[in-house]
Amino acid sequence: MKLPYLNDILLGKRYIGIEHFSLNNKEMISVLLIEKEKAALVISKKDKVSYCETLPDKWDKTLPFILIINTNQVIQKEVLGIESQDEKLLQKGFPNTNWDEFYIEIWRLKTKSIVVISRKIYVDELLSNYHKQGIGIAGISLGACSIVELMNYSERNELLTNHQTISWSEETSIITSSTIDLESTYDINGLLVKNCHILAFAGILRLLLNRTENTGNLIAHSNYLLGSYKQQSFFSKGLKIMLGILVTILLINFFVFTHYFKLAEETSESLLLSKSSVEDVIKTKEHIQAKEQKIKNVMAITASQSSLVINEITKTIPHSILLTELVYHPLEKKIKIEEPIVTQEKTVIISGTTIDNTAFTRWVETIDLLKEVNLVVITHFGKNEQNETEFSIKLKLK
C-alpha cells in the first residue's frame, strides 16, 4: 500500500491513536503508537489506563494524534436503511433533536446504518484539553464508527473493542455493549492487534489512507483538524528547509569569494615585481576579506532574525487562514547567469486563503503591532477561480 510522499513529510512516520471509553462508569483511555517501516506498520508502544485529563509524559506529544471518543457521552443507534441523505437517517434515529448542538458520524452497512452523536460542547472541551497540552489532533471519530476501516483487512465476522462486540451480520444487532473487560487478539493484514486497541488502530489507518466512507459533520470537522495539523507541520518543517536553503545560498557565495580570493593570491605571486601591482593585489585581498566577513555576519544574523520573525508571525495565524507561501527576503528579479543575486532586504511576502475576512483583518492588525514589523501592505485580496478568497501581504521589517 503506497501512501503519498507529502503525507510522509507532513505527518511523519509515527502516529498515535487514543480511544476514550467508559467501562463500569469509569472513563479510561487506550493509547497505541504505530510506526511505518518501509511498507509495513509496526506497533511500537501501547497502554490502557484510567483517564486523568493529562497524557503521561512517556508519549511523544509532537506526533499526530487520532482521537476516538467512545464514552458514555456518545450515543449510538442502529437504524434500518442506508439513505444517502444524512437527515433522513438522523430523523429515524433521533427525531426532534437540535442538530446544531451535536457532532454526528454515520456508518452505513448494506441494509442498516449506525448513527452516532455526541454534544459539541463535550467533544470541543476534550479537544481543547489536548490542545492545552501541546498535542495536535489530526483526526477524530465517534463511537465504533472507525471500525469500518478494518472491514477489508479482517476475515472475522465480528470484532471486539474494549467493551463492545461489533458484528458484520445484519440479521442481529451490529453493536452489543458489555460491562466486562473483553480480551481478544486479531490478525489485521499480518499485524497482531489486541481488541483494546482495535479502534485506535482503525483511526490511524483512516489517517494513513486519507479517506472514509462515513459521513456527518464530524467528518468535516476531522478534515479541518487534519488540515490545521498539516499547516502547522508545514510551517514548522518549512522554516527549517527555508533556513537551510538560505544558508546554502550564502555558502555558495562564500565559496565563490573564496575561489576568487585564491586567484588573487596566485596573481599576487606573479605581480610582486611591480609595486603598483602589489598594492592592487593587497587591496583586492582586503576587499574580498571584507566581503567574506560580511557574508559570515549575514549568515549568523539572518538565520536568527528570520527564525524569530517567522515564529512570531505563525503564532498568530487563526484557524480560518490557510497559508500557501511565506518568502523571507524575496528575490528582486529572476536569477541570471553572471549577474548578482539581489534580494529585497527586510521584506517578507505572505500569501494564502481565508474564509473569514474579519479574522484576516484582525490578523493583519496583529502583525502590524509586532515590534519587528515596520509596515504591512496588502498587495492582493480577492476571489480566485475556485471562488476562494486569496490574499498576499508584504511586510517591511525594522
Protein backbone atom coordinates (compact mmCIF):
# COMPACT_ATOMS: atom_id res chain seq x y z
CA MET A 1 0.00 0.00 0.00
CA LYS A 2 1.72 3.22 -1.21
CA LEU A 3 0.92 6.49 0.54
CA PRO A 4 1.51 9.98 -0.83
CA TYR A 5 5.04 11.21 -0.24
CA LEU A 6 3.76 14.57 1.01
CA ASN A 7 1.98 12.83 3.89
CA ASP A 8 5.28 11.27 4.93
CA ILE A 9 6.74 14.77 5.19
CA LEU A 10 3.84 16.48 6.96
CA LEU A 11 2.67 13.58 9.16
CA GLY A 12 5.96 11.77 9.61
CA LYS A 13 6.20 8.01 10.07
CA ARG A 14 4.91 7.67 13.63
CA TYR A 15 1.27 8.07 14.68
CA ILE A 16 -0.67 7.79 17.94
CA GLY A 17 -4.26 6.60 18.27
CA ILE A 18 -6.09 7.24 21.54
CA GLU A 19 -9.55 5.90 22.43
CA HIS A 20 -11.62 7.36 25.26
CA PHE A 21 -14.10 4.77 26.53
CA SER A 22 -16.30 4.13 29.57
CA LEU A 23 -16.29 0.84 31.45
CA ASN A 24 -18.43 0.42 34.58
CA ASN A 25 -18.92 4.23 34.76
CA LYS A 26 -15.15 4.75 34.77
CA GLU A 27 -13.54 6.71 31.94
CA MET A 28 -10.36 5.18 30.54
CA ILE A 29 -8.02 5.67 27.60
CA SER A 30 -6.37 3.15 25.32
CA VAL A 31 -3.25 4.50 23.57
CA LEU A 32 -1.39 2.99 20.62
CA LEU A 33 1.82 4.13 18.87
CA ILE A 34 2.27 2.89 15.29
CA GLU A 35 5.44 3.30 13.22
CA LYS A 36 5.73 2.87 9.47
CA GLU A 37 8.79 0.87 8.48
CA LYS A 38 9.21 0.50 4.71
CA ALA A 39 5.88 -1.00 3.56
CA ALA A 40 4.77 -2.32 6.96
CA LEU A 41 3.14 -0.92 10.09
CA VAL A 42 4.66 -1.85 13.46
CA ILE A 43 3.26 -1.40 16.98
CA SER A 44 5.95 0.40 19.00
CA LYS A 45 4.12 1.19 22.23
CA LYS A 46 0.69 0.61 23.79
CA ASP A 47 -1.12 1.22 27.06
CA LYS A 48 -4.57 1.22 28.71
CA VAL A 49 -5.04 3.41 31.80
CA SER A 50 -7.62 5.48 33.65
CA TYR A 51 -8.16 8.93 32.17
CA CYS A 52 -6.83 11.73 34.40
CA GLU A 53 -7.09 14.61 31.87
CA THR A 54 -3.33 14.62 31.26
CA LEU A 55 -1.48 12.31 28.90
CA PRO A 56 1.59 10.65 30.52
CA ASP A 57 4.94 12.19 29.54
CA LYS A 58 6.17 8.93 28.01
CA TRP A 59 4.10 9.68 24.90
CA ASP A 60 5.66 11.98 22.25
CA LYS A 61 3.26 14.93 22.07
CA THR A 62 4.76 16.22 18.81
CA LEU A 63 3.30 13.31 16.82
CA PRO A 64 -0.10 13.38 15.05
CA PHE A 65 -2.87 12.04 17.35
CA ILE A 66 -6.09 10.34 16.23
CA LEU A 67 -8.87 10.69 18.81
CA ILE A 68 -11.64 8.08 19.16
CA ILE A 69 -14.43 9.11 21.56
CA ASN A 70 -16.38 6.06 22.71
CA THR A 71 -17.55 7.07 26.19
CA ASN A 72 -20.99 7.15 27.78
CA GLN A 73 -21.28 10.71 26.40
CA VAL A 74 -21.59 9.16 22.93
CA ILE A 75 -24.94 7.72 21.82
CA GLN A 76 -25.05 5.08 19.06
CA LYS A 77 -28.27 3.93 17.38
CA GLU A 78 -28.88 1.28 14.75
CA VAL A 79 -31.49 2.18 12.11
CA LEU A 80 -32.86 0.41 9.06
CA GLY A 81 -31.93 1.97 5.75
CA ILE A 82 -28.82 3.43 4.11
CA GLU A 83 -30.23 6.61 2.58
CA SER A 84 -27.54 8.87 1.15
CA GLN A 85 -29.08 11.90 2.88
CA ASP A 86 -27.87 12.10 6.48
CA GLU A 87 -31.00 13.99 7.55
CA LYS A 88 -33.28 11.05 6.81
CA LEU A 89 -31.19 8.66 8.92
CA LEU A 90 -30.95 11.24 11.72
CA GLN A 91 -34.74 11.58 11.83
CA LYS A 92 -35.06 7.81 12.12
CA GLY A 93 -32.56 7.53 14.96
CA PHE A 94 -33.01 10.80 16.83
CA PRO A 95 -36.17 12.67 15.79
CA ASN A 96 -36.90 16.18 17.09
CA THR A 97 -33.27 16.87 18.01
CA ASN A 98 -31.41 20.17 17.63
CA TRP A 99 -28.56 19.00 15.39
CA ASP A 100 -26.62 22.26 15.76
CA GLU A 101 -25.65 21.14 19.27
CA PHE A 102 -24.25 17.74 18.20
CA TYR A 103 -21.40 16.21 16.26
CA ILE A 104 -22.66 13.36 14.06
CA GLU A 105 -20.99 10.42 12.35
CA ILE A 106 -22.89 7.85 10.26
CA TRP A 107 -21.61 4.39 9.30
CA ARG A 108 -23.62 2.67 6.53
CA LEU A 109 -23.61 -1.10 6.04
CA LYS A 110 -25.66 -2.99 3.39
CA THR A 111 -29.15 -2.60 4.87
CA LYS A 112 -28.53 -0.80 8.18
CA SER A 113 -26.83 2.34 9.37
CA ILE A 114 -25.18 3.23 12.68
CA VAL A 115 -25.94 6.83 13.68
CA VAL A 116 -23.62 8.19 16.38
CA ILE A 117 -23.96 11.58 18.10
CA SER A 118 -22.24 13.48 20.90
CA ARG A 119 -22.70 17.02 22.17
CA LYS A 120 -20.31 19.54 20.63
CA ILE A 121 -19.56 21.12 24.00
CA TYR A 122 -18.23 17.78 25.29
CA VAL A 123 -16.13 17.00 22.20
CA ASP A 124 -14.75 20.55 21.91
CA GLU A 125 -13.78 20.55 25.60
CA LEU A 126 -11.89 17.29 25.11
CA LEU A 127 -10.09 18.70 22.05
CA SER A 128 -9.26 21.90 23.96
CA ASN A 129 -7.75 19.89 26.80
CA TYR A 130 -5.39 18.13 24.40
CA HIS A 131 -4.54 21.43 22.70
CA LYS A 132 -3.51 22.92 26.05
CA GLN A 133 -1.08 20.01 26.49
CA GLY A 134 0.56 20.85 23.16
CA ILE A 135 -0.95 17.81 21.42
CA GLY A 136 -2.00 18.12 17.78
CA ILE A 137 -5.19 16.22 16.92
CA ALA A 138 -5.06 15.20 13.23
CA GLY A 139 -8.34 13.26 13.16
CA ILE A 140 -11.38 12.32 15.22
CA SER A 141 -14.12 9.64 15.18
CA LEU A 142 -17.16 8.83 17.33
CA GLY A 143 -18.17 5.52 18.89
CA ALA A 144 -17.25 2.39 16.95
CA CYS A 145 -17.53 4.06 13.54
CA SER A 146 -13.81 3.86 12.77
CA ILE A 147 -14.10 0.04 12.69
CA VAL A 148 -15.34 0.36 9.11
CA GLU A 149 -11.73 0.97 8.00
CA LEU A 150 -10.84 -2.61 9.08
CA MET A 151 -13.64 -4.49 7.33
CA ASN A 152 -11.50 -5.21 4.27
CA TYR A 153 -8.49 -6.32 6.32
CA SER A 154 -10.06 -8.91 8.65
CA GLU A 155 -11.61 -12.29 7.85
CA ARG A 156 -13.62 -12.24 11.10
CA ASN A 157 -17.39 -11.75 11.10
CA GLU A 158 -17.14 -9.72 14.30
CA LEU A 159 -14.57 -7.77 16.28
CA LEU A 160 -14.38 -6.85 19.96
CA THR A 161 -13.49 -3.39 21.28
CA ASN A 162 -12.83 -2.53 24.93
CA HIS A 163 -16.49 -3.01 25.85
CA GLN A 164 -18.39 -3.80 22.67
CA THR A 165 -18.93 -6.56 20.13
CA ILE A 166 -19.13 -5.31 16.53
CA SER A 167 -20.77 -7.76 14.11
CA TRP A 168 -20.94 -7.58 10.31
CA SER A 169 -24.07 -9.78 10.34
CA GLU A 170 -27.03 -7.50 9.82
CA GLU A 171 -29.50 -10.16 10.94
CA THR A 172 -28.58 -9.34 14.55
CA SER A 173 -27.54 -6.18 16.39
CA ILE A 174 -24.42 -4.60 14.88
CA ILE A 175 -23.13 -3.22 18.20
CA THR A 176 -23.57 -5.04 21.51
CA SER A 177 -22.26 -3.41 24.68
CA SER A 178 -20.66 -5.29 27.57
CA THR A 179 -19.93 -4.40 31.18
CA ILE A 180 -16.90 -6.68 31.43
CA ASP A 181 -13.36 -6.08 30.16
CA LEU A 182 -13.19 -8.05 26.90
CA GLU A 183 -9.95 -9.64 25.64
CA SER A 184 -9.00 -10.87 22.19
CA THR A 185 -6.21 -10.51 19.59
CA TYR A 186 -6.70 -10.07 15.85
CA ASP A 187 -4.52 -10.54 12.78
CA ILE A 188 -5.05 -7.39 10.73
CA ASN A 189 -3.24 -7.93 7.45
CA GLY A 190 -0.33 -9.58 9.27
CA LEU A 191 -0.26 -7.21 12.26
CA LEU A 192 -1.41 -8.58 15.63
CA VAL A 193 -3.67 -6.05 17.35
CA LYS A 194 -5.44 -6.53 20.70
CA ASN A 195 -9.12 -5.67 20.89
CA CYS A 196 -8.44 -2.93 23.46
CA HIS A 197 -6.50 -1.02 20.76
CA ILE A 198 -8.59 -2.01 17.72
CA LEU A 199 -10.48 1.32 17.40
CA ALA A 200 -7.30 3.38 17.93
CA PHE A 201 -5.61 1.34 15.19
CA ALA A 202 -8.61 1.81 12.89
CA GLY A 203 -8.37 5.57 13.42
CA ILE A 204 -4.68 5.56 12.48
CA LEU A 205 -5.47 3.53 9.36
CA ARG A 206 -8.08 6.13 8.37
CA LEU A 207 -5.42 8.83 8.71
CA LEU A 208 -2.94 6.95 6.53
CA LEU A 209 -5.48 6.06 3.86
CA ASN A 210 -6.80 9.65 3.99
CA ARG A 211 -10.36 8.53 3.24
CA THR A 212 -13.52 7.11 4.84
CA GLU A 213 -16.99 6.10 3.66
CA ASN A 214 -18.59 7.54 6.82
CA THR A 215 -20.46 10.85 6.68
CA GLY A 216 -21.65 13.55 9.08
CA ASN A 217 -20.48 16.94 10.31
CA LEU A 218 -17.82 15.22 12.45
CA ILE A 219 -16.07 14.01 9.28
CA ALA A 220 -15.89 17.62 8.05
CA HIS A 221 -14.52 18.70 11.43
CA SER A 222 -11.99 15.86 11.34
CA ASN A 223 -10.81 17.01 7.89
CA TYR A 224 -10.46 20.53 9.27
CA LEU A 225 -8.31 19.26 12.16
CA LEU A 226 -6.13 17.33 9.69
CA GLY A 227 -5.70 20.43 7.51
CA SER A 228 -4.74 22.55 10.53
CA TYR A 229 -2.23 19.93 11.69
CA LYS A 230 -0.64 19.73 8.24
CA GLN A 231 -0.44 23.52 8.06
CA GLN A 232 1.35 23.76 11.40
CA SER A 233 3.65 20.91 10.34
CA PHE A 234 4.32 22.63 7.02
CA PHE A 235 5.49 25.86 8.64
CA SER A 236 7.44 24.10 11.36
CA LYS A 237 9.34 21.95 8.88
CA GLY A 238 9.24 24.55 6.11
CA LEU A 239 11.04 27.03 8.34
CA LYS A 240 13.93 24.62 8.73
CA ILE A 241 14.02 24.00 4.97
CA MET A 242 13.98 27.75 4.21
CA LEU A 243 16.84 28.40 6.59
CA GLY A 244 18.74 25.52 5.01
CA ILE A 245 18.25 26.99 1.53
CA LEU A 246 19.27 30.44 2.74
CA VAL A 247 22.43 29.10 4.36
CA THR A 248 23.20 27.10 1.19
CA ILE A 249 22.95 30.23 -0.97
CA LEU A 250 25.22 32.13 1.40
CA LEU A 251 27.70 29.25 1.44
CA ILE A 252 27.77 29.22 -2.38
CA ASN A 253 28.58 32.92 -2.33
CA PHE A 254 31.20 32.26 0.31
CA PHE A 255 32.88 29.58 -1.81
CA VAL A 256 32.75 31.85 -4.87
CA PHE A 257 34.53 34.59 -2.95
CA THR A 258 36.99 32.05 -1.57
CA HIS A 259 37.72 30.92 -5.14
CA TYR A 260 38.47 34.48 -6.23
CA PHE A 261 40.49 35.02 -3.11
CA LYS A 262 42.73 32.11 -4.06
CA LEU A 263 43.01 33.51 -7.58
CA ALA A 264 44.06 36.80 -6.07
CA GLU A 265 46.76 35.03 -4.08
CA GLU A 266 48.09 33.35 -7.20
CA THR A 267 48.01 36.64 -9.07
CA SER A 268 49.90 38.40 -6.31
CA GLU A 269 52.83 35.99 -6.66
CA SER A 270 53.26 36.90 -10.32
CA LEU A 271 52.99 40.64 -9.69
CA LEU A 272 55.48 41.00 -6.86
CA LEU A 273 57.97 42.74 -9.20
CA SER A 274 55.61 45.62 -9.63
CA LYS A 275 54.94 47.83 -6.61
CA SER A 276 51.72 49.16 -8.03
CA SER A 277 50.53 45.65 -8.85
CA VAL A 278 51.34 44.50 -5.33
CA GLU A 279 49.27 47.33 -3.91
CA ASP A 280 46.37 46.38 -6.19
CA VAL A 281 46.56 42.77 -5.05
CA ILE A 282 46.57 43.83 -1.40
CA LYS A 283 43.51 45.99 -1.96
CA THR A 284 41.77 43.10 -3.73
CA LYS A 285 42.54 40.78 -0.83
CA GLU A 286 41.21 43.30 1.69
CA HIS A 287 38.08 43.83 -0.40
CA ILE A 288 37.44 40.08 -0.66
CA GLN A 289 38.15 39.53 3.04
CA ALA A 290 35.69 42.28 3.92
CA LYS A 291 33.01 40.63 1.77
CA GLU A 292 33.84 37.27 3.28
CA GLN A 293 33.41 38.64 6.80
CA LYS A 294 30.18 40.36 5.76
CA ILE A 295 28.80 37.03 4.48
CA LYS A 296 29.69 35.33 7.76
CA ASN A 297 27.93 38.09 9.71
CA VAL A 298 24.86 37.92 7.45
CA MET A 299 24.70 34.14 7.84
CA ALA A 300 24.66 34.45 11.63
CA ILE A 301 22.28 37.43 11.88
CA THR A 302 19.86 36.42 9.10
CA ALA A 303 19.29 32.92 10.42
CA SER A 304 18.49 34.29 13.88
CA GLN A 305 16.28 37.19 12.69
CA SER A 306 14.31 35.17 10.15
CA SER A 307 13.60 32.42 12.68
CA LEU A 308 12.40 34.97 15.27
CA VAL A 309 10.18 36.94 12.86
CA ILE A 310 8.60 33.88 11.21
CA ASN A 311 7.91 32.27 14.60
CA GLU A 312 6.14 35.45 15.80
CA ILE A 313 4.02 35.57 12.63
CA THR A 314 2.99 31.89 12.62
CA LYS A 315 1.96 32.05 16.29
CA THR A 316 -0.82 34.49 15.37
CA ILE A 317 -2.32 32.59 12.41
CA PRO A 318 -6.09 31.99 13.02
CA HIS A 319 -7.70 28.67 12.03
CA SER A 320 -9.67 30.40 9.25
CA ILE A 321 -6.49 31.25 7.31
CA LEU A 322 -4.51 28.73 5.24
CA LEU A 323 -1.09 29.98 4.10
CA THR A 324 0.29 28.85 0.75
CA GLU A 325 3.55 30.83 0.65
CA LEU A 326 5.90 32.62 3.02
CA VAL A 327 9.06 34.15 1.49
CA TYR A 328 11.76 35.81 3.59
CA HIS A 329 13.99 38.23 1.64
CA PRO A 330 12.30 37.58 -1.76
CA LEU A 331 14.29 37.96 -4.97
CA GLU A 332 14.30 41.42 -6.56
CA LYS A 333 14.37 39.76 -10.00
CA LYS A 334 14.92 36.38 -11.57
CA ILE A 335 18.36 34.82 -11.13
CA LYS A 336 20.51 35.14 -14.26
CA ILE A 337 23.94 33.77 -15.03
CA GLU A 338 26.83 36.21 -14.39
CA GLU A 339 24.51 38.60 -12.55
CA PRO A 340 24.50 39.12 -8.77
CA ILE A 341 21.62 37.71 -6.70
CA VAL A 342 19.59 40.71 -5.47
CA THR A 343 17.01 40.27 -2.71
CA GLN A 344 14.52 42.62 -1.07
CA GLU A 345 16.13 43.03 2.34
CA LYS A 346 14.00 43.24 5.48
CA THR A 347 10.97 42.07 3.50
CA VAL A 348 8.56 39.14 3.99
CA ILE A 349 5.84 38.17 1.50
CA ILE A 350 2.92 36.05 2.79
CA SER A 351 0.20 34.54 0.58
CA GLY A 352 -2.77 32.27 1.30
CA THR A 353 -6.56 31.95 1.50
CA THR A 354 -9.12 32.93 4.17
CA ILE A 355 -12.70 32.01 4.97
CA ASP A 356 -13.20 34.81 7.48
CA ASN A 357 -12.46 38.39 6.31
CA THR A 358 -12.84 39.80 9.83
CA ALA A 359 -10.31 37.33 11.25
CA PHE A 360 -7.97 38.20 8.37
CA THR A 361 -8.21 41.93 9.15
CA ARG A 362 -7.51 41.29 12.86
CA TRP A 363 -4.55 39.10 11.95
CA VAL A 364 -3.04 41.80 9.70
CA GLU A 365 -3.50 44.34 12.52
CA THR A 366 -1.81 41.94 14.95
CA ILE A 367 1.18 41.53 12.61
CA ASP A 368 1.41 45.32 12.21
CA LEU A 369 1.78 45.63 16.01
CA LEU A 370 4.77 43.26 16.17
CA LYS A 371 7.89 45.06 17.28
CA GLU A 372 9.88 43.57 14.40
CA VAL A 373 7.44 44.89 11.76
CA ASN A 374 7.70 48.41 10.38
CA LEU A 375 4.97 48.33 7.71
CA VAL A 376 2.27 45.92 6.44
CA VAL A 377 0.90 46.33 2.89
CA ILE A 378 -1.94 44.22 1.45
CA THR A 379 -0.83 43.70 -2.18
CA HIS A 380 -3.68 41.43 -3.22
CA PHE A 381 -7.12 40.46 -1.88
CA GLY A 382 -9.92 38.86 -3.88
CA LYS A 383 -11.61 35.73 -5.22
CA ASN A 384 -9.72 33.18 -7.34
CA GLU A 385 -11.08 30.73 -9.96
CA GLN A 386 -12.12 28.30 -7.18
CA ASN A 387 -14.17 31.11 -5.54
CA GLU A 388 -11.73 31.17 -2.60
CA THR A 389 -10.72 34.47 -1.02
CA GLU A 390 -6.98 34.68 -1.57
CA PHE A 391 -4.57 37.35 -0.34
CA SER A 392 -0.98 38.49 -0.45
CA ILE A 393 0.70 40.87 2.01
CA LYS A 394 4.14 42.41 2.12
CA LEU A 395 5.90 43.08 5.45
CA LYS A 396 8.70 45.61 5.85
CA LEU A 397 10.84 44.76 8.86
CA LYS A 398 12.66 47.23 11.09
